[in-house]
Amino acid sequence: RSSVAQQPPPEPVGAEPPKDKDGAYGSQGDACSACKFAATASCAMYKTCLCYATNTHFEVGGIPNAKDTQHYRWACGDEGGSK
């Protein structure tokens, strides 16, 4: 029986950008960078994650104009469909 040494996870690429006060990212670029940072630091996500980022702000009828309309999130797939 041969023993296999456990390999540490890879080093993440880039830096994890800060989230806004609402818990989302303030730009699509920041959300993409966060996805890349998470995906490259995980053995499970490294080969399987295709990063997608979108603004999750939706206009709601009867509510006055929102001041913060930048609520970007990321995901490893496009299963959510188009906005």
C-alpha atoms as a PDB file:
ATOM      1  CA  ARG A   1       0.000   0.000   0.000  1.00  0.00           C
ATOM      2  CA  SER A   2       1.433   3.378  -0.937  1.00  0.00           C
ATOM      3  CA  SER A   3       0.835   6.495   1.053  1.00  0.00           C
ATOM      4  CA  VAL A   4      -0.145   9.707  -0.643  1.00  0.00           C
ATOM      5  CA  ALA A   5       0.952  13.001   0.845  1.00  0.00           C
ATOM      6  CA  GLN A   6      -1.767  15.573   1.229  1.00  0.00           C
ATOM      7  CA  GLN A   7      -1.186  18.634  -0.887  1.00  0.00           C
ATOM      8  CA  PRO A   8      -2.008  22.115   0.463  1.00  0.00           C
ATOM      9  CA  PRO A   9      -4.507  24.254  -1.443  1.00  0.00           C
ATOM     10  CA  PRO A  10      -3.097  26.575  -4.111  1.00  0.00           C
ATOM     11  CA  GLU A  11      -2.255  30.189  -3.328  1.00  0.00           C
ATOM     12  CA  PRO A  12      -5.096  32.554  -4.270  1.00  0.00           C
ATOM     13  CA  VAL A  13      -4.559  34.891  -7.211  1.00  0.00           C
ATOM     14  CA  GLY A  14      -4.895  38.598  -6.463  1.00  0.00           C
ATOM     15  CA  ALA A  15      -6.466  40.084  -3.354  1.00  0.00           C
ATOM     16  CA  GLU A  16      -9.977  39.762  -2.020  1.00  0.00           C
ATOM     17  CA  PRO A  17     -11.723  43.115  -2.525  1.00  0.00           C
ATOM     18  CA  PRO A  18     -13.705  44.587   0.373  1.00  0.00           C
ATOM     19  CA  LYS A  19     -17.494  44.347   0.425  1.00  0.00           C
ATOM     20  CA  ASP A  20     -19.716  47.394   0.856  1.00  0.00           C
ATOM     21  CA  LYS A  21     -21.720  47.962   4.050  1.00  0.00           C
ATOM     22  CA  ASP A  22     -24.658  46.053   2.535  1.00  0.00           C
ATOM     23  CA  GLY A  23     -22.532  42.892   2.119  1.00  0.00           C
ATOM     24  CA  ALA A  24     -22.335  43.081  -1.688  1.00  0.00           C
ATOM     25  CA  TYR A  25     -19.538  44.301  -3.937  1.00  0.00           C
ATOM     26  CA  GLY A  26     -19.703  47.841  -5.322  1.00  0.00           C
ATOM     27  CA  SER A  27     -18.695  46.966  -8.876  1.00  0.00           C
ATOM     28  CA  GLN A  28     -18.698  44.074 -11.306  1.00  0.00           C
ATOM     29  CA  GLY A  29     -14.894  44.151 -11.348  1.00  0.00           C
ATOM     30  CA  ASP A  30     -14.735  43.718  -7.568  1.00  0.00           C
ATOM     31  CA  ALA A  31     -17.195  40.804  -7.703  1.00  0.00           C
ATOM     32  CA  CYS A  32     -15.136  39.145 -10.463  1.00  0.00           C
ATOM     33  CA  SER A  33     -11.921  39.628  -8.467  1.00  0.00           C
ATOM     34  CA  ALA A  34     -13.545  38.083  -5.395  1.00  0.00           C
ATOM     35  CA  CYS A  35     -14.629  35.066  -7.441  1.00  0.00           C
ATOM     36  CA  LYS A  36     -11.150  34.637  -8.904  1.00  0.00           C
ATOM     37  CA  PHE A  37      -9.608  34.935  -5.421  1.00  0.00           C
ATOM     38  CA  ALA A  38     -11.953  32.273  -3.984  1.00  0.00           C
ATOM     39  CA  ALA A  39     -11.741  29.929  -6.980  1.00  0.00           C
ATOM     40  CA  THR A  40      -7.966  29.923  -7.243  1.00  0.00           C
ATOM     41  CA  ALA A  41      -7.544  29.233  -3.513  1.00  0.00           C
ATOM     42  CA  SER A  42      -9.668  26.079  -3.586  1.00  0.00           C
ATOM     43  CA  CYS A  43      -8.673  22.726  -5.043  1.00  0.00           C
ATOM     44  CA  ALA A  44     -12.352  21.927  -5.633  1.00  0.00           C
ATOM     45  CA  MET A  45     -13.115  25.195  -7.430  1.00  0.00           C
ATOM     46  CA  TYR A  46      -9.813  25.663  -9.288  1.00  0.00           C
ATOM     47  CA  LYS A  47     -10.704  23.584 -12.366  1.00  0.00           C
ATOM     48  CA  THR A  48     -14.499  23.785 -12.225  1.00  0.00           C
ATOM     49  CA  CYS A  49     -15.443  27.396 -11.457  1.00  0.00           C
ATOM     50  CA  LEU A  50     -16.405  29.703 -14.317  1.00  0.00           C
ATOM     51  CA  CYS A  51     -16.935  33.057 -12.626  1.00  0.00           C
ATOM     52  CA  TYR A  52     -20.037  35.130 -13.310  1.00  0.00           C
ATOM     53  CA  ALA A  53     -20.894  38.462 -11.686  1.00  0.00           C
ATOM     54  CA  THR A  54     -24.097  40.489 -11.891  1.00  0.00           C
ATOM     55  CA  ASN A  55     -25.810  43.403 -10.224  1.00  0.00           C
ATOM     56  CA  THR A  56     -28.548  42.004  -7.986  1.00  0.00           C
ATOM     57  CA  HIS A  57     -30.352  45.342  -7.656  1.00  0.00           C
ATOM     58  CA  PHE A  58     -33.889  45.227  -9.050  1.00  0.00           C
ATOM     59  CA  GLU A  59     -36.304  48.132  -9.401  1.00  0.00           C
ATOM     60  CA  VAL A  60     -39.389  47.650  -7.237  1.00  0.00           C
ATOM     61  CA  GLY A  61     -42.647  49.444  -8.020  1.00  0.00           C
ATOM     62  CA  GLY A  62     -43.955  51.895  -5.416  1.00  0.00           C
ATOM     63  CA  ILE A  63     -40.551  52.434  -3.818  1.00  0.00           C
ATOM     64  CA  PRO A  64     -38.799  55.753  -4.430  1.00  0.00           C
ATOM     65  CA  ASN A  65     -35.466  55.880  -6.218  1.00  0.00           C
ATOM     66  CA  ALA A  66     -32.827  53.950  -4.323  1.00  0.00           C
ATOM     67  CA  LYS A  67     -29.545  55.734  -3.639  1.00  0.00           C
ATOM     68  CA  ASP A  68     -27.425  52.564  -3.702  1.00  0.00           C
ATOM     69  CA  THR A  69     -28.034  50.536  -6.853  1.00  0.00           C
ATOM     70  CA  GLN A  70     -24.699  48.706  -6.958  1.00  0.00           C
ATOM     71  CA  HIS A  71     -25.194  45.239  -5.414  1.00  0.00           C
ATOM     72  CA  TYR A  72     -22.824  42.943  -7.295  1.00  0.00           C
ATOM     73  CA  ARG A  73     -22.567  39.233  -6.414  1.00  0.00           C
ATOM     74  CA  TRP A  74     -20.594  36.381  -7.963  1.00  0.00           C
ATOM     75  CA  ALA A  75     -21.280  32.739  -8.688  1.00  0.00           C
ATOM     76  CA  CYS A  76     -19.400  29.825 -10.266  1.00  0.00           C
ATOM     77  CA  GLY A  77     -21.996  29.196 -12.926  1.00  0.00           C
ATOM     78  CA  ASP A  78     -24.780  30.810 -14.912  1.00  0.00           C
ATOM     79  CA  GLU A  79     -27.597  28.627 -13.592  1.00  0.00           C
ATOM     80  CA  GLY A  80     -29.479  31.712 -12.358  1.00  0.00           C
ATOM     81  CA  GLY A  81     -30.316  32.721 -15.916  1.00  0.00           C
ATOM     82  CA  SER A  82     -30.533  36.217 -17.335  1.00  0.00           C
ATOM     83  CA  LYS A  83     -31.649  39.157 -15.221  1.00  0.00           C
END
